Amino acid sequence: MQRILIIQTAFIGDVILATCLIEKLHAHFPEAEIDFALRKGNESLLKGHPILREVLIFDKKEKRRSLLQLIRRIRARRYDLVVNAQRFFTSGLMAVTSGARQIVGFDKNPLAFGFTHRLPHRIGSGQHEVERDLSLIAHLTDDRLVKPRLYPAQADYAGIPRDERYICIAPTSVWFTKQYPAGRWIAFLDALAEDLPVYLLGGPADREACEAIRQATRHPRVTNKAGELSLLASAAWMQGAAMNYANDSAPVHLATAVDAPIAEIYCSTVPDFGFTPLSSVSHVLECAQDLPCRPCGLHGHAACPEGHFKCSEISVEALLDVLADR
């Protein structure tokens, strides 16, 4: 096995979780050149990655042109193995036109008939997404669980408190029903010790929501860093925290990839989907009620379909409890 390509052109969290494939393939084929194809905007996750030879970028905004260029590059590379961790048509097209000797992927991909090896992808089975990804290469490696891993550079640790205990909170999500409500985040902040620094994390699009939380809390030491940190720098800040809090979203996987302590809050989605944290210190928090409407979907909604959003009724005390022994 001389040349290997991994394809994962979905969202940030999906790319992070798929890094388990890099680790496992490198362990079994240490001399192989490994490349990774992803969507434009996610490439900073793999900046300076010590194992990867090259990161190939698919620009979805220039879909046809970018896809054709990428297919030509992939074919010219003459890969021995292509591992397609994405389940949709575009990634399937990259794989089946690659000319690789072996193409592995999930049977849900519409072009799976062109793969040499197909595996099931069953969300809701209790299997973790990392296990699902690793199943693609189990016939070439082994069935041992390997965690995702990211590699922040030294510069990503700049400014992190070295002699002070702190926590990080990533309070937002793309989907409203995945978000622990702002009012509950504020109540949680108000209940924390006033000398405990808190850093709010997120992307540029999250800055306004984080700032609203910062201004509403009585806690005197809350800093809004949303939009100021790269993805790898955010992971570095999480790695140094006494505890991190996040919804069922990408920051949970950032924490996993640097083995940072994490408490994941589930509102409309459920742990059984397979996106729970894998850090050495991790907690899963969800509502105590058995709601017949939960889960209401895999990705969440812009509003609660039932109008009550009872799945978000997770007590502030539950968040405080996971911090008690840290």
C-alpha atoms as a PDB file:
ATOM      1  CA  MET A   1       0.000   0.000   0.000  1.00  0.00           C
ATOM      2  CA  GLN A   2       1.856   3.077  -1.265  1.00  0.00           C
ATOM      3  CA  ARG A   3      -0.755   5.807  -1.802  1.00  0.00           C
ATOM      4  CA  ILE A   4      -4.005   6.268   0.132  1.00  0.00           C
ATOM      5  CA  LEU A   5      -6.767   8.868  -0.174  1.00  0.00           C
ATOM      6  CA  ILE A   6      -9.414   9.526   2.492  1.00  0.00           C
ATOM      7  CA  ILE A   7     -12.518  11.441   1.386  1.00  0.00           C
ATOM      8  CA  GLN A   8     -14.775  13.279   3.840  1.00  0.00           C
ATOM      9  CA  THR A   9     -16.412  16.355   2.323  1.00  0.00           C
ATOM     10  CA  ALA A  10     -19.124  16.893   4.957  1.00  0.00           C
ATOM     11  CA  PHE A  11     -19.047  19.211   7.966  1.00  0.00           C
ATOM     12  CA  ILE A  12     -16.353  20.079  10.513  1.00  0.00           C
ATOM     13  CA  GLY A  13     -17.346  17.399  13.005  1.00  0.00           C
ATOM     14  CA  ASP A  14     -17.395  14.703  10.317  1.00  0.00           C
ATOM     15  CA  VAL A  15     -13.859  15.615   9.229  1.00  0.00           C
ATOM     16  CA  ILE A  16     -12.601  15.542  12.807  1.00  0.00           C
ATOM     17  CA  LEU A  17     -14.101  12.119  13.440  1.00  0.00           C
ATOM     18  CA  ALA A  18     -12.648  10.776  10.172  1.00  0.00           C
ATOM     19  CA  THR A  19      -9.121  11.573  11.381  1.00  0.00           C
ATOM     20  CA  CYS A  20      -9.295   8.210  13.155  1.00  0.00           C
ATOM     21  CA  LEU A  21      -8.758   6.729   9.681  1.00  0.00           C
ATOM     22  CA  ILE A  22      -5.495   8.645   9.290  1.00  0.00           C
ATOM     23  CA  GLU A  23      -4.204   7.317  12.595  1.00  0.00           C
ATOM     24  CA  LYS A  24      -5.218   3.703  11.931  1.00  0.00           C
ATOM     25  CA  LEU A  25      -3.909   3.585   8.347  1.00  0.00           C
ATOM     26  CA  HIS A  26      -0.607   5.173   9.328  1.00  0.00           C
ATOM     27  CA  ALA A  27      -0.149   2.651  12.132  1.00  0.00           C
ATOM     28  CA  HIS A  28      -0.604  -0.261   9.708  1.00  0.00           C
ATOM     29  CA  PHE A  29       1.035   1.262   6.634  1.00  0.00           C
ATOM     30  CA  PRO A  30       3.692   3.612   8.047  1.00  0.00           C
ATOM     31  CA  GLU A  31       5.439   4.085   4.686  1.00  0.00           C
ATOM     32  CA  ALA A  32       2.268   4.943   2.762  1.00  0.00           C
ATOM     33  CA  GLU A  33       1.587   8.476   1.535  1.00  0.00           C
ATOM     34  CA  ILE A  34      -1.809   9.526   2.866  1.00  0.00           C
ATOM     35  CA  ASP A  35      -3.896  12.376   1.418  1.00  0.00           C
ATOM     36  CA  PHE A  36      -7.227  13.760   2.638  1.00  0.00           C
ATOM     37  CA  ALA A  37      -9.969  15.366   0.516  1.00  0.00           C
ATOM     38  CA  LEU A  38     -12.387  17.735   2.248  1.00  0.00           C
ATOM     39  CA  ARG A  39     -14.699  20.695   1.658  1.00  0.00           C
ATOM     40  CA  LYS A  40     -13.246  24.200   1.415  1.00  0.00           C
ATOM     41  CA  GLY A  41     -13.457  25.914   4.789  1.00  0.00           C
ATOM     42  CA  ASN A  42     -12.442  22.818   6.751  1.00  0.00           C
ATOM     43  CA  GLU A  43      -8.821  22.614   5.603  1.00  0.00           C
ATOM     44  CA  SER A  44      -7.492  24.528   8.616  1.00  0.00           C
ATOM     45  CA  LEU A  45      -8.322  21.483  10.766  1.00  0.00           C
ATOM     46  CA  LEU A  46      -5.501  19.563   9.086  1.00  0.00           C
ATOM     47  CA  LYS A  47      -2.986  22.409   8.828  1.00  0.00           C
ATOM     48  CA  GLY A  48       0.508  21.145   9.553  1.00  0.00           C
ATOM     49  CA  HIS A  49      -0.728  17.575  10.061  1.00  0.00           C
ATOM     50  CA  PRO A  50       2.418  15.462  10.586  1.00  0.00           C
ATOM     51  CA  ILE A  51       1.069  12.341   8.845  1.00  0.00           C
ATOM     52  CA  LEU A  52      -0.681  13.725   5.780  1.00  0.00           C
ATOM     53  CA  ARG A  53       1.155  14.339   2.530  1.00  0.00           C
ATOM     54  CA  GLU A  54      -1.474  16.641   1.047  1.00  0.00           C
ATOM     55  CA  VAL A  55      -4.930  18.039   1.741  1.00  0.00           C
ATOM     56  CA  LEU A  56      -7.157  18.214  -1.344  1.00  0.00           C
ATOM     57  CA  ILE A  57      -9.887  20.867  -1.282  1.00  0.00           C
ATOM     58  CA  PHE A  58     -13.333  20.660  -2.873  1.00  0.00           C
ATOM     59  CA  ASP A  59     -14.907  24.102  -3.326  1.00  0.00           C
ATOM     60  CA  LYS A  60     -18.657  23.559  -3.173  1.00  0.00           C
ATOM     61  CA  LYS A  61     -19.337  27.126  -4.369  1.00  0.00           C
ATOM     62  CA  GLU A  62     -17.661  26.267  -7.673  1.00  0.00           C
ATOM     63  CA  LYS A  63     -18.998  22.746  -7.584  1.00  0.00           C
ATOM     64  CA  ARG A  64     -18.709  21.591 -11.208  1.00  0.00           C
ATOM     65  CA  ARG A  65     -15.357  23.236 -11.949  1.00  0.00           C
ATOM     66  CA  SER A  66     -13.800  22.314  -8.624  1.00  0.00           C
ATOM     67  CA  LEU A  67     -15.051  18.731  -8.826  1.00  0.00           C
ATOM     68  CA  LEU A  68     -13.644  18.170 -12.312  1.00  0.00           C
ATOM     69  CA  GLN A  69     -10.270  19.612 -11.285  1.00  0.00           C
ATOM     70  CA  LEU A  70     -10.189  17.459  -8.183  1.00  0.00           C
ATOM     71  CA  ILE A  71     -11.114  14.298 -10.076  1.00  0.00           C
ATOM     72  CA  ARG A  72      -8.229  14.922 -12.485  1.00  0.00           C
ATOM     73  CA  ARG A  73      -5.810  15.377  -9.583  1.00  0.00           C
ATOM     74  CA  ILE A  74      -7.052  12.222  -7.905  1.00  0.00           C
ATOM     75  CA  ARG A  75      -6.730  10.149 -11.078  1.00  0.00           C
ATOM     76  CA  ALA A  76      -3.216  11.461 -11.716  1.00  0.00           C
ATOM     77  CA  ARG A  77      -2.158  10.406  -8.229  1.00  0.00           C
ATOM     78  CA  ARG A  78      -2.907   6.708  -8.953  1.00  0.00           C
ATOM     79  CA  TYR A  79      -3.985   5.735  -5.455  1.00  0.00           C
ATOM     80  CA  ASP A  80      -3.800   2.160  -4.269  1.00  0.00           C
ATOM     81  CA  LEU A  81      -6.671   2.726  -1.835  1.00  0.00           C
ATOM     82  CA  VAL A  82      -9.486   5.267  -1.644  1.00  0.00           C
ATOM     83  CA  VAL A  83     -11.514   5.359   1.577  1.00  0.00           C
ATOM     84  CA  ASN A  84     -14.764   7.281   1.135  1.00  0.00           C
ATOM     85  CA  ALA A  85     -16.209   8.166   4.535  1.00  0.00           C
ATOM     86  CA  GLN A  86     -18.935  10.348   3.007  1.00  0.00           C
ATOM     87  CA  ARG A  87     -22.315   8.938   1.956  1.00  0.00           C
ATOM     88  CA  PHE A  88     -23.344  11.317  -0.819  1.00  0.00           C
ATOM     89  CA  PHE A  89     -23.028  11.449  -4.588  1.00  0.00           C
ATOM     90  CA  THR A  90     -20.126  13.902  -5.018  1.00  0.00           C
ATOM     91  CA  SER A  91     -17.721  11.953  -2.840  1.00  0.00           C
ATOM     92  CA  GLY A  92     -18.853   8.737  -4.521  1.00  0.00           C
ATOM     93  CA  LEU A  93     -18.018  10.238  -7.901  1.00  0.00           C
ATOM     94  CA  MET A  94     -14.539  11.182  -6.686  1.00  0.00           C
ATOM     95  CA  ALA A  95     -14.043   7.622  -5.509  1.00  0.00           C
ATOM     96  CA  VAL A  96     -15.347   5.658  -8.488  1.00  0.00           C
ATOM     97  CA  THR A  97     -13.484   7.799 -11.020  1.00  0.00           C
ATOM     98  CA  SER A  98     -10.212   7.610  -9.075  1.00  0.00           C
ATOM     99  CA  GLY A  99      -8.863   4.552 -10.825  1.00  0.00           C
ATOM    100  CA  ALA A 100      -7.757   3.178  -7.458  1.00  0.00           C
ATOM    101  CA  ARG A 101      -7.219  -0.551  -7.093  1.00  0.00           C
ATOM    102  CA  GLN A 102      -9.389  -0.614  -3.941  1.00  0.00           C
ATOM    103  CA  ILE A 103     -12.311   1.690  -3.176  1.00  0.00           C
ATOM    104  CA  VAL A 104     -14.121   1.284   0.131  1.00  0.00           C
ATOM    105  CA  GLY A 105     -17.177   3.166   1.317  1.00  0.00           C
ATOM    106  CA  PHE A 106     -20.644   2.947   2.822  1.00  0.00           C
ATOM    107  CA  ASP A 107     -23.455   1.143   1.051  1.00  0.00           C
ATOM    108  CA  LYS A 108     -25.706   4.200   1.408  1.00  0.00           C
ATOM    109  CA  ASN A 109     -23.635   6.087  -1.157  1.00  0.00           C
ATOM    110  CA  PRO A 110     -25.585   6.197  -4.449  1.00  0.00           C
ATOM    111  CA  LEU A 111     -22.442   5.102  -6.315  1.00  0.00           C
ATOM    112  CA  ALA A 112     -21.594   2.298  -3.894  1.00  0.00           C
ATOM    113  CA  PHE A 113     -22.038  -0.238  -6.701  1.00  0.00           C
ATOM    114  CA  GLY A 114     -18.691   1.020  -8.027  1.00  0.00           C
ATOM    115  CA  PHE A 115     -16.832   0.363  -4.780  1.00  0.00           C
ATOM    116  CA  THR A 116     -14.765  -2.765  -4.312  1.00  0.00           C
ATOM    117  CA  HIS A 117     -15.800  -2.991  -0.640  1.00  0.00           C
ATOM    118  CA  ARG A 118     -19.089  -1.732   0.855  1.00  0.00           C
ATOM    119  CA  LEU A 119     -20.054  -1.469   4.528  1.00  0.00           C
ATOM    120  CA  PRO A 120     -23.350  -0.591   6.232  1.00  0.00           C
ATOM    121  CA  HIS A 121     -23.808   2.768   7.942  1.00  0.00           C
ATOM    122  CA  ARG A 122     -26.581   2.511  10.518  1.00  0.00           C
ATOM    123  CA  ILE A 123     -27.305   5.579  12.647  1.00  0.00           C
ATOM    124  CA  GLY A 124     -29.325   4.748  15.750  1.00  0.00           C
ATOM    125  CA  SER A 125     -27.712   1.377  16.325  1.00  0.00           C
ATOM    126  CA  GLY A 126     -25.660   2.612  19.274  1.00  0.00           C
ATOM    127  CA  GLN A 127     -22.464   2.301  17.236  1.00  0.00           C
ATOM    128  CA  HIS A 128     -20.189   5.334  17.409  1.00  0.00           C
ATOM    129  CA  GLU A 129     -19.437   7.230  14.205  1.00  0.00           C
ATOM    130  CA  VAL A 130     -15.730   6.521  14.753  1.00  0.00           C
ATOM    131  CA  GLU A 131     -16.519   2.798  14.824  1.00  0.00           C
ATOM    132  CA  ARG A 132     -18.520   3.183  11.629  1.00  0.00           C
ATOM    133  CA  ASP A 133     -15.606   4.962   9.928  1.00  0.00           C
ATOM    134  CA  LEU A 134     -13.067   2.416  11.122  1.00  0.00           C
ATOM    135  CA  SER A 135     -15.243  -0.449   9.871  1.00  0.00           C
ATOM    136  CA  LEU A 136     -14.344   0.680   6.343  1.00  0.00           C
ATOM    137  CA  ILE A 137     -10.745  -0.421   6.796  1.00  0.00           C
ATOM    138  CA  ALA A 138     -11.093  -3.228   9.340  1.00  0.00           C
ATOM    139  CA  HIS A 139     -10.444  -5.828   6.612  1.00  0.00           C
ATOM    140  CA  LEU A 140      -7.100  -4.132   5.938  1.00  0.00           C
ATOM    141  CA  THR A 141      -6.107  -3.331   9.534  1.00  0.00           C
ATOM    142  CA  ASP A 142      -7.869  -4.564  12.688  1.00  0.00           C
ATOM    143  CA  ASP A 143     -10.999  -3.877  14.731  1.00  0.00           C
ATOM    144  CA  ARG A 144      -9.300  -1.868  17.491  1.00  0.00           C
ATOM    145  CA  LEU A 145     -10.840   1.513  18.323  1.00  0.00           C
ATOM    146  CA  VAL A 146      -8.561   4.442  17.500  1.00  0.00           C
ATOM    147  CA  LYS A 147      -9.632   7.934  18.518  1.00  0.00           C
ATOM    148  CA  PRO A 148      -9.661  10.942  16.211  1.00  0.00           C
ATOM    149  CA  ARG A 149      -6.675  13.230  16.619  1.00  0.00           C
ATOM    150  CA  LEU A 150      -5.789  16.806  15.685  1.00  0.00           C
ATOM    151  CA  TYR A 151      -2.405  18.492  15.970  1.00  0.00           C
ATOM    152  CA  PRO A 152      -2.492  22.133  17.125  1.00  0.00           C
ATOM    153  CA  ALA A 153       0.779  23.975  16.479  1.00  0.00           C
ATOM    154  CA  GLN A 154       2.740  25.734  19.202  1.00  0.00           C
ATOM    155  CA  ALA A 155       1.299  29.074  18.042  1.00  0.00           C
ATOM    156  CA  ASP A 156      -2.219  27.767  18.693  1.00  0.00           C
ATOM    157  CA  TYR A 157      -1.476  27.705  22.429  1.00  0.00           C
ATOM    158  CA  ALA A 158      -0.595  31.406  22.569  1.00  0.00           C
ATOM    159  CA  GLY A 159      -2.451  33.342  25.247  1.00  0.00           C
ATOM    160  CA  ILE A 160      -3.813  30.312  27.082  1.00  0.00           C
ATOM    161  CA  PRO A 161      -3.706  30.758  30.882  1.00  0.00           C
ATOM    162  CA  ARG A 162      -0.933  28.569  32.280  1.00  0.00           C
ATOM    163  CA  ASP A 163      -1.345  29.102  36.004  1.00  0.00           C
ATOM    164  CA  GLU A 164      -5.097  29.539  36.306  1.00  0.00           C
ATOM    165  CA  ARG A 165      -7.986  27.109  36.233  1.00  0.00           C
ATOM    166  CA  TYR A 166     -10.617  27.994  33.601  1.00  0.00           C
ATOM    167  CA  ILE A 167     -13.502  26.523  31.616  1.00  0.00           C
ATOM    168  CA  CYS A 168     -14.672  26.883  28.016  1.00  0.00           C
ATOM    169  CA  ILE A 169     -18.233  26.944  26.704  1.00  0.00           C
ATOM    170  CA  ALA A 170     -19.316  26.565  23.067  1.00  0.00           C
ATOM    171  CA  PRO A 171     -22.964  27.602  23.529  1.00  0.00           C
ATOM    172  CA  THR A 172     -24.246  27.605  19.949  1.00  0.00           C
ATOM    173  CA  SER A 173     -25.147  25.196  17.161  1.00  0.00           C
ATOM    174  CA  VAL A 174     -26.255  25.484  13.553  1.00  0.00           C
ATOM    175  CA  TRP A 175     -29.575  23.931  14.634  1.00  0.00           C
ATOM    176  CA  PHE A 176     -31.767  25.679  17.201  1.00  0.00           C
ATOM    177  CA  THR A 177     -33.107  22.482  18.763  1.00  0.00           C
ATOM    178  CA  LYS A 178     -29.570  21.246  19.423  1.00  0.00           C
ATOM    179  CA  GLN A 179     -28.796  24.351  21.471  1.00  0.00           C
ATOM    180  CA  TYR A 180     -29.032  24.511  25.236  1.00  0.00           C
ATOM    181  CA  PRO A 181     -31.059  27.742  25.626  1.00  0.00           C
ATOM    182  CA  ALA A 182     -29.182  30.996  26.171  1.00  0.00           C
ATOM    183  CA  GLY A 183     -31.134  31.659  29.362  1.00  0.00           C
ATOM    184  CA  ARG A 184     -29.885  28.398  30.875  1.00  0.00           C
ATOM    185  CA  TRP A 185     -26.284  29.172  29.876  1.00  0.00           C
ATOM    186  CA  ILE A 186     -26.676  32.517  31.613  1.00  0.00           C
ATOM    187  CA  ALA A 187     -28.079  30.859  34.744  1.00  0.00           C
ATOM    188  CA  PHE A 188     -25.140  28.425  34.710  1.00  0.00           C
ATOM    189  CA  LEU A 189     -22.635  31.282  34.431  1.00  0.00           C
ATOM    190  CA  ASP A 190     -24.365  33.157  37.254  1.00  0.00           C
ATOM    191  CA  ALA A 191     -23.993  30.077  39.481  1.00  0.00           C
ATOM    192  CA  LEU A 192     -20.234  29.686  38.928  1.00  0.00           C
ATOM    193  CA  ALA A 193     -17.601  30.975  41.332  1.00  0.00           C
ATOM    194  CA  GLU A 194     -16.812  34.567  40.405  1.00  0.00           C
ATOM    195  CA  ASP A 195     -13.060  33.938  40.331  1.00  0.00           C
ATOM    196  CA  LEU A 196     -13.350  31.172  37.690  1.00  0.00           C
ATOM    197  CA  PRO A 197     -12.490  32.493  34.203  1.00  0.00           C
ATOM    198  CA  VAL A 198     -14.865  31.424  31.417  1.00  0.00           C
ATOM    199  CA  TYR A 199     -14.127  31.591  27.701  1.00  0.00           C
ATOM    200  CA  LEU A 200     -16.917  31.430  25.128  1.00  0.00           C
ATOM    201  CA  LEU A 201     -15.891  29.671  21.914  1.00  0.00           C
ATOM    202  CA  GLY A 202     -17.330  29.587  18.407  1.00  0.00           C
ATOM    203  CA  GLY A 203     -16.867  30.827  14.881  1.00  0.00           C
ATOM    204  CA  PRO A 204     -17.437  34.329  13.504  1.00  0.00           C
ATOM    205  CA  ALA A 205     -21.141  33.551  13.004  1.00  0.00           C
ATOM    206  CA  ASP A 206     -21.451  32.727  16.713  1.00  0.00           C
ATOM    207  CA  ARG A 207     -19.894  35.910  18.057  1.00  0.00           C
ATOM    208  CA  GLU A 208     -23.121  37.899  18.387  1.00  0.00           C
ATOM    209  CA  ALA A 209     -24.920  35.128  20.278  1.00  0.00           C
ATOM    210  CA  CYS A 210     -21.918  34.631  22.576  1.00  0.00           C
ATOM    211  CA  GLU A 211     -21.698  38.365  23.204  1.00  0.00           C
ATOM    212  CA  ALA A 212     -25.364  38.493  24.184  1.00  0.00           C
ATOM    213  CA  ILE A 213     -24.722  35.758  26.768  1.00  0.00           C
ATOM    214  CA  ARG A 214     -21.619  37.536  28.061  1.00  0.00           C
ATOM    215  CA  GLN A 215     -23.481  40.798  28.523  1.00  0.00           C
ATOM    216  CA  ALA A 216     -26.474  39.169  30.203  1.00  0.00           C
ATOM    217  CA  THR A 217     -24.574  37.213  32.880  1.00  0.00           C
ATOM    218  CA  ARG A 218     -23.556  38.619  36.251  1.00  0.00           C
ATOM    219  CA  HIS A 219     -20.343  36.597  36.137  1.00  0.00           C
ATOM    220  CA  PRO A 220     -17.455  39.090  36.052  1.00  0.00           C
ATOM    221  CA  ARG A 221     -14.875  36.942  34.237  1.00  0.00           C
ATOM    222  CA  VAL A 222     -16.494  35.836  30.982  1.00  0.00           C
ATOM    223  CA  THR A 223     -14.502  36.468  27.786  1.00  0.00           C
ATOM    224  CA  ASN A 224     -16.018  36.156  24.331  1.00  0.00           C
ATOM    225  CA  LYS A 225     -13.453  34.530  22.031  1.00  0.00           C
ATOM    226  CA  ALA A 226     -15.916  33.452  19.340  1.00  0.00           C
ATOM    227  CA  GLY A 227     -14.549  34.367  15.937  1.00  0.00           C
ATOM    228  CA  GLU A 228     -11.081  35.105  17.292  1.00  0.00           C
ATOM    229  CA  LEU A 229      -9.584  31.612  17.281  1.00  0.00           C
ATOM    230  CA  SER A 230      -8.886  29.134  14.513  1.00  0.00           C
ATOM    231  CA  LEU A 231     -10.320  25.648  14.856  1.00  0.00           C
ATOM    232  CA  LEU A 232      -6.978  24.255  16.016  1.00  0.00           C
ATOM    233  CA  ALA A 233      -6.501  27.150  18.460  1.00  0.00           C
ATOM    234  CA  SER A 234      -9.981  26.479  19.847  1.00  0.00           C
ATOM    235  CA  ALA A 235      -8.964  22.845  20.379  1.00  0.00           C
ATOM    236  CA  ALA A 236      -5.815  24.015  22.157  1.00  0.00           C
ATOM    237  CA  TRP A 237      -7.835  26.224  24.523  1.00  0.00           C
ATOM    238  CA  MET A 238     -10.186  23.318  25.228  1.00  0.00           C
ATOM    239  CA  GLN A 239      -7.235  21.045  25.953  1.00  0.00           C
ATOM    240  CA  GLY A 240      -6.074  23.304  28.782  1.00  0.00           C
ATOM    241  CA  ALA A 241      -9.506  23.782  30.363  1.00  0.00           C
ATOM    242  CA  ALA A 242     -10.684  22.194  33.600  1.00  0.00           C
ATOM    243  CA  MET A 243     -13.929  21.421  31.754  1.00  0.00           C
ATOM    244  CA  ASN A 244     -15.534  22.213  28.413  1.00  0.00           C
ATOM    245  CA  TYR A 245     -19.246  22.439  27.678  1.00  0.00           C
ATOM    246  CA  ALA A 246     -20.826  22.078  24.243  1.00  0.00           C
ATOM    247  CA  ASN A 247     -24.006  21.017  22.491  1.00  0.00           C
ATOM    248  CA  ASP A 248     -24.177  17.968  20.232  1.00  0.00           C
ATOM    249  CA  SER A 249     -21.968  19.672  17.638  1.00  0.00           C
ATOM    250  CA  ALA A 250     -18.413  20.019  16.295  1.00  0.00           C
ATOM    251  CA  PRO A 251     -16.763  21.442  19.469  1.00  0.00           C
ATOM    252  CA  VAL A 252     -17.402  18.094  21.184  1.00  0.00           C
ATOM    253  CA  HIS A 253     -15.268  16.403  18.540  1.00  0.00           C
ATOM    254  CA  LEU A 254     -12.591  19.107  18.798  1.00  0.00           C
ATOM    255  CA  ALA A 255     -12.337  18.176  22.474  1.00  0.00           C
ATOM    256  CA  THR A 256     -12.172  14.463  21.690  1.00  0.00           C
ATOM    257  CA  ALA A 257      -9.387  15.016  19.148  1.00  0.00           C
ATOM    258  CA  VAL A 258      -7.090  16.579  21.782  1.00  0.00           C
ATOM    259  CA  ASP A 259      -8.414  14.461  24.689  1.00  0.00           C
ATOM    260  CA  ALA A 260      -9.854  17.506  26.456  1.00  0.00           C
ATOM    261  CA  PRO A 261     -12.434  17.082  29.249  1.00  0.00           C
ATOM    262  CA  ILE A 262     -15.908  17.613  27.842  1.00  0.00           C
ATOM    263  CA  ALA A 263     -19.546  17.699  28.905  1.00  0.00           C
ATOM    264  CA  GLU A 264     -21.871  17.230  25.924  1.00  0.00           C
ATOM    265  CA  ILE A 265     -25.414  18.520  26.200  1.00  0.00           C
ATOM    266  CA  TYR A 266     -28.140  16.723  24.242  1.00  0.00           C
ATOM    267  CA  CYS A 267     -31.433  18.457  23.595  1.00  0.00           C
ATOM    268  CA  SER A 268     -33.378  17.209  20.551  1.00  0.00           C
ATOM    269  CA  THR A 269     -30.823  14.590  19.482  1.00  0.00           C
ATOM    270  CA  VAL A 270     -29.720  11.483  21.408  1.00  0.00           C
ATOM    271  CA  PRO A 271     -26.446   9.715  22.274  1.00  0.00           C
ATOM    272  CA  ASP A 272     -27.627   6.596  20.422  1.00  0.00           C
ATOM    273  CA  PHE A 273     -26.898   8.354  17.118  1.00  0.00           C
ATOM    274  CA  GLY A 274     -23.201   7.740  17.840  1.00  0.00           C
ATOM    275  CA  PHE A 275     -21.639  11.187  18.264  1.00  0.00           C
ATOM    276  CA  THR A 276     -20.779  11.099  21.966  1.00  0.00           C
ATOM    277  CA  PRO A 277     -17.395  12.348  23.252  1.00  0.00           C
ATOM    278  CA  LEU A 278     -14.465   9.932  23.443  1.00  0.00           C
ATOM    279  CA  SER A 279     -12.213  11.973  25.729  1.00  0.00           C
ATOM    280  CA  SER A 280     -10.731  10.305  28.814  1.00  0.00           C
ATOM    281  CA  VAL A 281     -12.922  12.621  30.914  1.00  0.00           C
ATOM    282  CA  SER A 282     -16.333  13.006  29.322  1.00  0.00           C
ATOM    283  CA  HIS A 283     -19.937  13.460  30.382  1.00  0.00           C
ATOM    284  CA  VAL A 284     -23.258  13.229  28.543  1.00  0.00           C
ATOM    285  CA  LEU A 285     -26.084  15.423  29.844  1.00  0.00           C
ATOM    286  CA  GLU A 286     -29.684  15.086  28.681  1.00  0.00           C
ATOM    287  CA  CYS A 287     -33.180  15.769  29.970  1.00  0.00           C
ATOM    288  CA  ALA A 288     -34.552  13.394  32.593  1.00  0.00           C
ATOM    289  CA  GLN A 289     -37.993  13.198  30.979  1.00  0.00           C
ATOM    290  CA  ASP A 290     -38.875  10.344  28.633  1.00  0.00           C
ATOM    291  CA  LEU A 291     -40.249  12.396  25.760  1.00  0.00           C
ATOM    292  CA  PRO A 292     -42.081  10.524  22.972  1.00  0.00           C
ATOM    293  CA  CYS A 293     -41.064  13.266  20.502  1.00  0.00           C
ATOM    294  CA  ARG A 294     -37.314  12.847  21.155  1.00  0.00           C
ATOM    295  CA  PRO A 295     -35.346  12.522  18.973  1.00  0.00           C
ATOM    296  CA  CYS A 296     -37.204  14.639  16.444  1.00  0.00           C
ATOM    297  CA  GLY A 297     -34.509  14.205  13.799  1.00  0.00           C
ATOM    298  CA  LEU A 298     -30.847  13.537  13.185  1.00  0.00           C
ATOM    299  CA  HIS A 299     -29.749  17.140  12.681  1.00  0.00           C
ATOM    300  CA  GLY A 300     -32.230  19.175  14.693  1.00  0.00           C
ATOM    301  CA  HIS A 301     -34.664  21.876  13.569  1.00  0.00           C
ATOM    302  CA  ALA A 302     -34.947  25.654  13.381  1.00  0.00           C
ATOM    303  CA  ALA A 303     -37.692  25.406  16.034  1.00  0.00           C
ATOM    304  CA  CYS A 304     -39.230  22.717  18.222  1.00  0.00           C
ATOM    305  CA  PRO A 305     -41.805  20.847  16.095  1.00  0.00           C
ATOM    306  CA  GLU A 306     -44.003  20.412  19.189  1.00  0.00           C
ATOM    307  CA  GLY A 307     -43.633  24.007  20.355  1.00  0.00           C
ATOM    308  CA  HIS A 308     -42.523  23.187  23.914  1.00  0.00           C
ATOM    309  CA  PHE A 309     -38.770  22.385  23.640  1.00  0.00           C
ATOM    310  CA  LYS A 310     -38.959  20.259  26.786  1.00  0.00           C
ATOM    311  CA  CYS A 311     -35.848  18.325  25.733  1.00  0.00           C
ATOM    312  CA  SER A 312     -33.787  21.400  26.668  1.00  0.00           C
ATOM    313  CA  GLU A 313     -34.897  21.202  30.313  1.00  0.00           C
ATOM    314  CA  ILE A 314     -31.547  20.058  31.685  1.00  0.00           C
ATOM    315  CA  SER A 315     -30.791  21.517  35.081  1.00  0.00           C
ATOM    316  CA  VAL A 316     -27.992  23.960  35.755  1.00  0.00           C
ATOM    317  CA  GLU A 317     -27.090  21.713  38.703  1.00  0.00           C
ATOM    318  CA  ALA A 318     -26.268  18.913  36.267  1.00  0.00           C
ATOM    319  CA  LEU A 319     -23.731  21.172  34.544  1.00  0.00           C
ATOM    320  CA  LEU A 320     -22.270  22.243  37.875  1.00  0.00           C
ATOM    321  CA  ASP A 321     -21.927  18.637  39.058  1.00  0.00           C
ATOM    322  CA  VAL A 322     -19.475  17.653  36.321  1.00  0.00           C
ATOM    323  CA  LEU A 323     -17.227  20.539  37.365  1.00  0.00           C
ATOM    324  CA  ALA A 324     -17.271  19.684  41.065  1.00  0.00           C
ATOM    325  CA  ASP A 325     -14.339  17.255  40.970  1.00  0.00           C
ATOM    326  CA  ARG A 326     -12.223  19.137  38.432  1.00  0.00           C
END
